[in-house]
C-alpha cells in the first residue's frame, strides 16, 4: 500500500509515534513512489540524503522516479485552472537536472 501524498501536512503524532493521515489517494504500488514524493518535498540536501538511505533504493532509481513524479505534477499543474508557477518551475528544474546517463 502506498500513500501517494506524503508531505508535512499529512504527518501527525499520536502517543509519541508518527502517523500518516489522508489516505484518499492511497493504492497498491511500489513504495518508490512515496519516497519520490518525499524527495520532491524535501528542501535541502541533508534531508534528501536521509531519504536515499531510508528508502533502500539507489539514488539513480529514486531520482528517475522523482523525474517521473515531476512530469506527472507538471502535467497536472499545466492543466489546472490556477497556474502554480512556483511548482511548474520546480518540476521543470527537476526534469532538466536529471542525469539520464545516455
Protein backbone atom coordinates (compact mmCIF):
# COMPACT_ATOMS: atom_id res chain seq x y z
CA UNK A 1 0.00 0.00 0.00
CA UNK A 2 1.40 3.39 -0.93
CA UNK A 3 0.15 6.72 0.39
CA UNK A 4 0.88 8.88 -2.70
CA UNK A 5 0.64 12.18 -0.80
CA UNK A 6 3.33 12.14 1.87
CA UNK A 7 4.07 15.67 2.98
CA UNK A 8 4.32 17.52 6.28
CA UNK A 9 0.60 18.38 6.25
CA UNK A 10 -0.26 14.66 6.30
CA UNK A 11 2.02 13.61 9.16
CA UNK A 12 0.87 13.72 12.76
CA UNK A 13 1.88 12.35 16.13
CA UNK A 14 -0.13 10.03 18.38
CA UNK A 15 1.29 8.60 21.61
CA UNK A 16 4.83 9.67 20.65
CA UNK A 17 4.60 7.87 17.28
CA UNK A 18 4.41 9.46 13.86
CA UNK A 19 1.38 8.56 11.76
CA UNK A 20 0.22 9.37 8.24
CA UNK A 21 -3.18 10.94 7.62
CA UNK A 22 -5.25 11.42 4.48
CA UNK A 23 -5.23 8.09 2.66
CA UNK A 24 -7.71 9.13 -0.03
CA UNK A 25 -5.06 8.78 -2.77
CA UNK A 26 -3.62 5.50 -1.48
CA UNK A 27 -3.36 2.46 -3.70
CA UNK A 28 -1.35 -0.72 -4.18
CA UNK A 29 2.03 0.04 -5.65
CA UNK A 30 5.77 0.25 -5.29
CA UNK A 31 6.90 2.30 -2.26
CA UNK A 32 9.44 4.04 -4.50
CA UNK A 33 6.61 6.44 -5.43
CA UNK A 34 6.21 7.58 -1.82
CA UNK A 35 9.96 8.09 -1.47
CA UNK A 36 9.95 10.05 -4.73
CA UNK A 37 7.25 12.31 -3.35
CA UNK A 38 9.29 12.80 -0.19
CA UNK A 39 12.27 13.81 -2.35
CA UNK A 40 10.04 16.23 -4.27
CA UNK A 41 9.00 17.89 -0.99
CA UNK A 42 12.50 17.92 0.57
CA UNK A 43 14.05 21.33 0.98
CA UNK A 44 17.73 20.54 1.48
CA UNK A 45 20.46 18.06 0.64
CA UNK A 46 20.67 16.67 4.18
CA UNK A 47 17.01 15.64 4.05
CA UNK A 48 17.48 14.15 0.59
CA UNK A 49 20.41 12.03 1.83
CA UNK A 50 18.25 10.72 4.69
CA UNK A 51 15.52 9.77 2.21
CA UNK A 52 18.03 7.95 -0.03
CA UNK A 53 19.29 5.93 2.96
CA UNK A 54 15.83 5.24 4.38
CA UNK A 55 14.38 4.14 1.04
CA UNK A 56 16.89 1.39 0.27
CA UNK A 57 16.75 2.30 -3.44
CA UNK A 58 19.71 3.54 -5.45
CA UNK A 59 19.96 7.28 -5.97
CA UNK A 60 19.69 6.72 -9.71
CA UNK A 61 16.44 4.75 -9.43
CA UNK A 62 14.93 7.13 -6.91
CA UNK A 63 15.86 10.17 -8.99
CA UNK A 64 14.37 8.53 -12.09
CA UNK A 65 11.07 8.14 -10.27
CA UNK A 66 11.38 11.69 -8.96
CA UNK A 67 11.66 12.81 -12.56
CA UNK A 68 8.54 10.80 -13.47
CA UNK A 69 6.77 12.36 -10.48
CA UNK A 70 7.77 15.80 -11.71
CA UNK A 71 6.41 15.01 -15.21
CA UNK A 72 3.13 13.94 -13.63
CA UNK A 73 2.92 17.09 -11.49
CA UNK A 74 3.87 19.28 -14.43
CA UNK A 75 1.03 17.80 -16.44
CA UNK A 76 -1.39 18.40 -13.56
CA UNK A 77 -0.23 21.96 -12.85
CA UNK A 78 -0.28 22.96 -16.53
CA UNK A 79 -3.86 21.68 -16.94
CA UNK A 80 -5.15 23.27 -13.72
CA UNK A 81 -7.23 26.44 -13.84
CA UNK A 82 -4.83 28.10 -11.41
CA UNK A 83 -1.26 28.05 -12.75
CA UNK A 84 1.08 27.49 -9.81
CA UNK A 85 4.20 28.85 -11.47
CA UNK A 86 6.43 28.03 -8.50
CA UNK A 87 5.55 24.32 -8.77
CA UNK A 88 5.74 24.38 -12.57
CA UNK A 89 9.28 25.80 -12.39
CA UNK A 90 10.25 23.27 -9.71
CA UNK A 91 9.05 20.40 -11.93
CA UNK A 92 10.91 21.75 -14.95
CA UNK A 93 14.12 22.11 -12.90
CA UNK A 94 13.90 18.52 -11.63
CA UNK A 95 13.33 17.19 -15.14
CA UNK A 96 16.14 19.22 -16.68
CA UNK A 97 18.63 18.38 -13.92
CA UNK A 98 18.10 14.62 -14.12
CA UNK A 99 21.16 12.76 -15.43
CA UNK A 100 19.76 10.23 -17.87
CA UNK A 101 23.15 8.58 -18.32
CA UNK A 102 22.72 8.40 -22.07
